[in-house]
Amino acid sequence: MSERRRPRWAEDPDPRARSGLIGRRFPRTGTEPATARSPLRLRLVLSAVFLPLFLAGAAYFGVWAAGTGPGDSPGRGTLVAVAAVCAAFALLAVADLVVVAGRLRRERGTPVPH
């Protein structure tokens, strides 16, 4: 096959050190940023705002489910499921707060407390 007709994907792969744990699926085209960055401050604000909302939702639906009698609509199972989903989102918000705080601390160069 001549060099002119060689497809782009047939080029030599990027070295392992630059390609990540599993490797690149597609070679870089040059249009995407080499080091994409997440808007950490926005993630911090969103997690901080939604954490108390999800906690309040989990508590509200949990109390509502506890006070539900037989034959009530919505049923106890539905309310428990909604409370569990709210609690799961609250856990995700906490995890995101921890990750974002660590990344911001690392960016600033402040030592991590042990």
N, C-alpha and C. Protein backbone atom coordinates (compact mmCIF):
# COMPACT_ATOMS: atom_id res chain seq x y z
N MET A 1 0.84 -1.16 0.00
CA MET A 1 0.00 0.00 0.00
C MET A 1 0.90 1.23 0.00
N SER A 2 0.62 2.16 -0.82
CA SER A 2 1.46 3.36 -0.89
C SER A 2 1.18 4.26 0.30
N GLU A 3 2.15 5.15 0.58
CA GLU A 3 2.01 6.07 1.70
C GLU A 3 0.86 7.04 1.50
N ARG A 4 0.58 7.40 0.26
CA ARG A 4 -0.51 8.34 0.00
C ARG A 4 -1.86 7.73 0.36
N ARG A 5 -2.02 6.47 0.14
CA ARG A 5 -3.32 5.84 0.34
C ARG A 5 -3.48 5.23 1.72
N ARG A 6 -2.49 5.36 2.53
CA ARG A 6 -2.55 4.78 3.87
C ARG A 6 -3.57 5.54 4.72
N PRO A 7 -4.55 4.84 5.31
CA PRO A 7 -5.58 5.54 6.10
C PRO A 7 -4.98 6.14 7.37
N ARG A 8 -5.66 7.17 7.89
CA ARG A 8 -5.16 7.87 9.08
C ARG A 8 -5.06 6.93 10.28
N TRP A 9 -6.01 6.00 10.42
CA TRP A 9 -6.02 5.14 11.59
C TRP A 9 -4.90 4.12 11.56
N ALA A 10 -4.25 3.96 10.42
CA ALA A 10 -3.17 2.98 10.30
C ALA A 10 -1.83 3.56 10.75
N GLU A 11 -1.81 4.82 11.19
CA GLU A 11 -0.56 5.40 11.67
C GLU A 11 -0.14 4.72 12.96
N ASP A 12 1.11 4.92 13.32
CA ASP A 12 1.62 4.32 14.55
C ASP A 12 0.83 4.85 15.74
N PRO A 13 0.47 3.98 16.68
CA PRO A 13 -0.30 4.45 17.83
C PRO A 13 0.55 5.34 18.73
N ASP A 14 -0.14 6.14 19.53
CA ASP A 14 0.56 6.98 20.50
C ASP A 14 1.21 6.09 21.54
N PRO A 15 2.32 6.53 22.12
CA PRO A 15 2.97 5.73 23.15
C PRO A 15 2.05 5.54 24.35
N ARG A 16 2.24 4.45 25.08
CA ARG A 16 1.40 4.11 26.23
C ARG A 16 1.36 5.22 27.26
N ALA A 17 2.46 5.92 27.45
CA ALA A 17 2.51 6.95 28.47
C ALA A 17 1.53 8.08 28.18
N ARG A 18 1.25 8.34 26.95
CA ARG A 18 0.34 9.42 26.60
C ARG A 18 -1.08 8.94 26.34
N SER A 19 -1.28 7.65 26.20
CA SER A 19 -2.57 7.18 25.74
C SER A 19 -3.52 6.77 26.84
N GLY A 20 -3.08 6.67 28.06
CA GLY A 20 -3.99 6.29 29.13
C GLY A 20 -3.85 4.83 29.48
N LEU A 21 -4.71 4.36 30.35
CA LEU A 21 -4.62 3.02 30.87
C LEU A 21 -4.91 1.97 29.80
N ILE A 22 -5.96 2.17 29.03
CA ILE A 22 -6.37 1.17 28.06
C ILE A 22 -5.80 1.48 26.68
N GLY A 23 -5.53 2.72 26.40
CA GLY A 23 -5.03 3.10 25.09
C GLY A 23 -6.07 3.93 24.36
N ARG A 24 -5.65 4.56 23.33
CA ARG A 24 -6.57 5.39 22.56
C ARG A 24 -7.35 4.53 21.59
N ARG A 25 -8.60 4.86 21.46
CA ARG A 25 -9.43 4.17 20.49
C ARG A 25 -9.21 4.78 19.11
N PHE A 26 -9.13 6.11 19.08
CA PHE A 26 -8.90 6.82 17.83
C PHE A 26 -7.70 7.74 18.02
N PRO A 27 -6.90 7.92 17.01
CA PRO A 27 -5.77 8.84 17.14
C PRO A 27 -6.27 10.28 17.25
N ARG A 28 -5.46 11.13 17.87
CA ARG A 28 -5.84 12.53 18.00
C ARG A 28 -5.88 13.18 16.63
N THR A 29 -6.88 14.01 16.42
CA THR A 29 -6.99 14.71 15.14
C THR A 29 -6.36 16.09 15.20
N GLY A 30 -6.09 16.56 16.40
CA GLY A 30 -5.50 17.88 16.56
C GLY A 30 -6.53 18.96 16.84
N THR A 31 -7.82 18.63 16.80
CA THR A 31 -8.85 19.64 17.04
C THR A 31 -9.31 19.67 18.49
N GLU A 32 -9.10 18.58 19.22
CA GLU A 32 -9.53 18.55 20.61
C GLU A 32 -8.37 18.98 21.50
N PRO A 33 -8.69 19.53 22.68
CA PRO A 33 -7.60 19.95 23.56
C PRO A 33 -6.82 18.75 24.08
N ALA A 34 -5.53 18.92 24.23
CA ALA A 34 -4.69 17.83 24.70
C ALA A 34 -4.97 17.53 26.17
N THR A 35 -5.25 18.56 26.95
CA THR A 35 -5.57 18.37 28.36
C THR A 35 -6.91 19.05 28.64
N ALA A 36 -7.99 18.35 28.36
CA ALA A 36 -9.32 18.90 28.61
C ALA A 36 -9.52 19.06 30.10
N ARG A 37 -10.15 20.15 30.48
CA ARG A 37 -10.33 20.44 31.89
C ARG A 37 -11.81 20.63 32.18
N SER A 38 -12.21 20.13 33.31
CA SER A 38 -13.58 20.26 33.75
C SER A 38 -13.73 21.60 34.48
N PRO A 39 -14.89 22.25 34.37
CA PRO A 39 -15.11 23.49 35.12
C PRO A 39 -15.32 23.16 36.61
N LEU A 40 -14.22 23.10 37.35
CA LEU A 40 -14.27 22.61 38.73
C LEU A 40 -15.11 23.50 39.64
N ARG A 41 -15.03 24.80 39.46
CA ARG A 41 -15.79 25.70 40.33
C ARG A 41 -17.30 25.50 40.13
N LEU A 42 -17.71 25.31 38.88
CA LEU A 42 -19.13 25.06 38.60
C LEU A 42 -19.58 23.74 39.22
N ARG A 43 -18.74 22.70 39.09
CA ARG A 43 -19.07 21.41 39.72
C ARG A 43 -19.17 21.55 41.22
N LEU A 44 -18.29 22.35 41.81
CA LEU A 44 -18.31 22.57 43.25
C LEU A 44 -19.61 23.25 43.67
N VAL A 45 -20.01 24.28 42.95
CA VAL A 45 -21.24 25.01 43.28
C VAL A 45 -22.46 24.10 43.09
N LEU A 46 -22.51 23.37 41.98
CA LEU A 46 -23.66 22.50 41.74
C LEU A 46 -23.77 21.40 42.79
N SER A 47 -22.66 20.80 43.16
CA SER A 47 -22.70 19.77 44.19
C SER A 47 -23.11 20.35 45.53
N ALA A 48 -22.60 21.54 45.85
CA ALA A 48 -22.94 22.17 47.12
C ALA A 48 -24.41 22.58 47.18
N VAL A 49 -24.99 22.94 46.05
CA VAL A 49 -26.40 23.34 46.02
C VAL A 49 -27.30 22.11 46.07
N PHE A 50 -26.97 21.09 45.31
CA PHE A 50 -27.88 19.95 45.21
C PHE A 50 -27.74 18.94 46.34
N LEU A 51 -26.62 18.93 47.05
CA LEU A 51 -26.48 18.01 48.18
C LEU A 51 -27.57 18.21 49.22
N PRO A 52 -27.81 19.43 49.72
CA PRO A 52 -28.89 19.59 50.71
C PRO A 52 -30.27 19.33 50.12
N LEU A 53 -30.46 19.63 48.84
CA LEU A 53 -31.76 19.35 48.22
C LEU A 53 -32.04 17.85 48.16
N PHE A 54 -31.03 17.08 47.77
CA PHE A 54 -31.23 15.63 47.71
C PHE A 54 -31.38 15.03 49.11
N LEU A 55 -30.65 15.56 50.09
CA LEU A 55 -30.82 15.08 51.46
C LEU A 55 -32.23 15.39 51.97
N ALA A 56 -32.70 16.60 51.68
CA ALA A 56 -34.06 16.98 52.10
C ALA A 56 -35.09 16.11 51.39
N GLY A 57 -34.88 15.83 50.11
CA GLY A 57 -35.80 14.98 49.37
C GLY A 57 -35.82 13.56 49.92
N ALA A 58 -34.67 13.03 50.26
CA ALA A 58 -34.61 11.68 50.82
C ALA A 58 -35.34 11.63 52.16
N ALA A 59 -35.13 12.65 52.99
CA ALA A 59 -35.81 12.68 54.29
C ALA A 59 -37.32 12.85 54.11
N TYR A 60 -37.72 13.75 53.23
CA TYR A 60 -39.15 14.00 53.00
C TYR A 60 -39.86 12.74 52.50
N PHE A 61 -39.30 12.11 51.47
CA PHE A 61 -39.95 10.92 50.92
C PHE A 61 -39.87 9.74 51.89
N GLY A 62 -38.81 9.68 52.70
CA GLY A 62 -38.72 8.62 53.70
C GLY A 62 -39.78 8.77 54.78
N VAL A 63 -39.99 10.01 55.25
CA VAL A 63 -41.03 10.26 56.26
C VAL A 63 -42.41 10.02 55.66
N TRP A 64 -42.60 10.44 54.42
CA TRP A 64 -43.88 10.22 53.77
C TRP A 64 -44.15 8.72 53.61
N ALA A 65 -43.12 7.96 53.24
CA ALA A 65 -43.29 6.51 53.08
C ALA A 65 -43.61 5.85 54.42
N ALA A 66 -43.02 6.37 55.52
CA ALA A 66 -43.28 5.80 56.83
C ALA A 66 -44.72 6.03 57.28
N GLY A 67 -45.29 7.14 56.84
CA GLY A 67 -46.67 7.45 57.23
C GLY A 67 -47.72 6.93 56.27
N THR A 68 -47.32 6.20 55.26
CA THR A 68 -48.26 5.69 54.27
C THR A 68 -48.95 4.43 54.78
N GLY A 69 -50.24 4.40 54.63
CA GLY A 69 -51.01 3.22 55.03
C GLY A 69 -51.31 2.33 53.83
N PRO A 70 -51.93 1.17 54.10
CA PRO A 70 -52.29 0.28 52.99
C PRO A 70 -53.36 0.93 52.11
N GLY A 71 -53.18 0.85 50.82
CA GLY A 71 -54.15 1.39 49.88
C GLY A 71 -53.92 2.85 49.54
N ASP A 72 -52.94 3.50 50.16
CA ASP A 72 -52.66 4.89 49.83
C ASP A 72 -51.95 4.98 48.48
N SER A 73 -52.13 6.14 47.86
CA SER A 73 -51.48 6.37 46.58
C SER A 73 -50.65 7.64 46.68
N PRO A 74 -49.42 7.67 46.35
CA PRO A 74 -48.56 6.58 45.89
C PRO A 74 -48.24 5.60 47.01
N GLY A 75 -47.90 4.42 46.62
CA GLY A 75 -47.65 3.36 47.58
C GLY A 75 -46.32 3.53 48.30
N ARG A 76 -46.19 2.75 49.37
CA ARG A 76 -44.97 2.81 50.18
C ARG A 76 -43.74 2.45 49.36
N GLY A 77 -43.83 1.44 48.51
CA GLY A 77 -42.68 1.01 47.70
C GLY A 77 -42.19 2.10 46.77
N THR A 78 -43.12 2.81 46.16
CA THR A 78 -42.74 3.90 45.26
C THR A 78 -42.02 5.01 46.02
N LEU A 79 -42.54 5.37 47.18
CA LEU A 79 -41.94 6.43 47.97
C LEU A 79 -40.56 6.03 48.50
N VAL A 80 -40.42 4.78 48.90
CA VAL A 80 -39.11 4.30 49.36
C VAL A 80 -38.11 4.32 48.20
N ALA A 81 -38.56 3.96 47.01
CA ALA A 81 -37.67 3.98 45.85
C ALA A 81 -37.22 5.41 45.53
N VAL A 82 -38.14 6.36 45.59
CA VAL A 82 -37.79 7.76 45.32
C VAL A 82 -36.83 8.27 46.41
N ALA A 83 -37.07 7.89 47.66
CA ALA A 83 -36.17 8.29 48.74
C ALA A 83 -34.78 7.68 48.54
N ALA A 84 -34.71 6.45 48.08
CA ALA A 84 -33.43 5.80 47.83
C ALA A 84 -32.68 6.47 46.68
N VAL A 85 -33.41 6.87 45.65
CA VAL A 85 -32.78 7.56 44.52
C VAL A 85 -32.22 8.91 44.98
N CYS A 86 -32.99 9.62 45.79
CA CYS A 86 -32.51 10.90 46.33
C CYS A 86 -31.27 10.69 47.19
N ALA A 87 -31.27 9.66 48.00
CA ALA A 87 -30.10 9.37 48.84
C ALA A 87 -28.89 9.00 47.99
N ALA A 88 -29.10 8.26 46.91
CA ALA A 88 -27.99 7.89 46.02
C ALA A 88 -27.42 9.13 45.35
N PHE A 89 -28.29 10.05 44.92
CA PHE A 89 -27.80 11.29 44.32
C PHE A 89 -27.06 12.14 45.35
N ALA A 90 -27.50 12.11 46.59
CA ALA A 90 -26.79 12.84 47.64
C ALA A 90 -25.40 12.25 47.84
N LEU A 91 -25.28 10.93 47.81
CA LEU A 91 -23.95 10.30 47.92
C LEU A 91 -23.05 10.68 46.74
N LEU A 92 -23.63 10.74 45.55
CA LEU A 92 -22.85 11.16 44.38
C LEU A 92 -22.39 12.61 44.52
N ALA A 93 -23.25 13.46 45.06
CA ALA A 93 -22.86 14.86 45.27
C ALA A 93 -21.73 14.97 46.29
N VAL A 94 -21.78 14.16 47.35
CA VAL A 94 -20.71 14.17 48.35
C VAL A 94 -19.40 13.70 47.71
N ALA A 95 -19.47 12.63 46.93
CA ALA A 95 -18.27 12.12 46.27
C ALA A 95 -17.70 13.16 45.31
N ASP A 96 -18.56 13.85 44.59
CA ASP A 96 -18.10 14.88 43.67
C ASP A 96 -17.47 16.04 44.43
N LEU A 97 -18.05 16.42 45.56
CA LEU A 97 -17.45 17.48 46.38
C LEU A 97 -16.04 17.10 46.83
N VAL A 98 -15.86 15.86 47.24
CA VAL A 98 -14.55 15.40 47.70
C VAL A 98 -13.54 15.42 46.55
N VAL A 99 -13.95 14.93 45.38
CA VAL A 99 -13.06 14.88 44.23
C VAL A 99 -12.69 16.29 43.77
N VAL A 100 -13.68 17.15 43.66
CA VAL A 100 -13.43 18.52 43.19
C VAL A 100 -12.55 19.27 44.18
N ALA A 101 -12.82 19.13 45.47
CA ALA A 101 -12.00 19.81 46.47
C ALA A 101 -10.55 19.34 46.39
N GLY A 102 -10.34 18.05 46.19
CA GLY A 102 -8.98 17.54 46.04
C GLY A 102 -8.29 18.07 44.81
N ARG A 103 -9.00 18.14 43.70
CA ARG A 103 -8.40 18.64 42.47
C ARG A 103 -8.08 20.13 42.58
N LEU A 104 -8.98 20.90 43.19
CA LEU A 104 -8.70 22.32 43.37
C LEU A 104 -7.50 22.53 44.29
N ARG A 105 -7.41 21.72 45.34
CA ARG A 105 -6.28 21.81 46.25
C ARG A 105 -4.98 21.47 45.52
N ARG A 106 -5.02 20.46 44.68
CA ARG A 106 -3.84 20.06 43.92
C ARG A 106 -3.44 21.15 42.92
N GLU A 107 -4.44 21.80 42.29
CA GLU A 107 -4.14 22.87 41.35
C GLU A 107 -3.45 24.04 42.04
N ARG A 108 -3.91 24.35 43.25
CA ARG A 108 -3.34 25.47 43.99
C ARG A 108 -2.00 25.12 44.60
N GLY A 109 -1.72 23.83 44.74
CA GLY A 109 -0.46 23.40 45.30
C GLY A 109 -0.47 23.36 46.83
N THR A 110 -1.64 23.39 47.43
CA THR A 110 -1.71 23.30 48.89
C THR A 110 -1.60 21.84 49.31
N PRO A 111 -0.89 21.58 50.39
CA PRO A 111 -0.75 20.19 50.83
C PRO A 111 -2.08 19.62 51.31
N VAL A 112 -2.25 18.33 51.06
CA VAL A 112 -3.47 17.64 51.49
C VAL A 112 -3.35 17.28 52.96
N PRO A 113 -4.33 17.65 53.81
CA PRO A 113 -4.25 17.27 55.23
C PRO A 113 -4.45 15.78 55.39
N HIS A 114 -3.71 15.19 56.33
CA HIS A 114 -3.84 13.74 56.55
C HIS A 114 -4.67 13.47 57.74
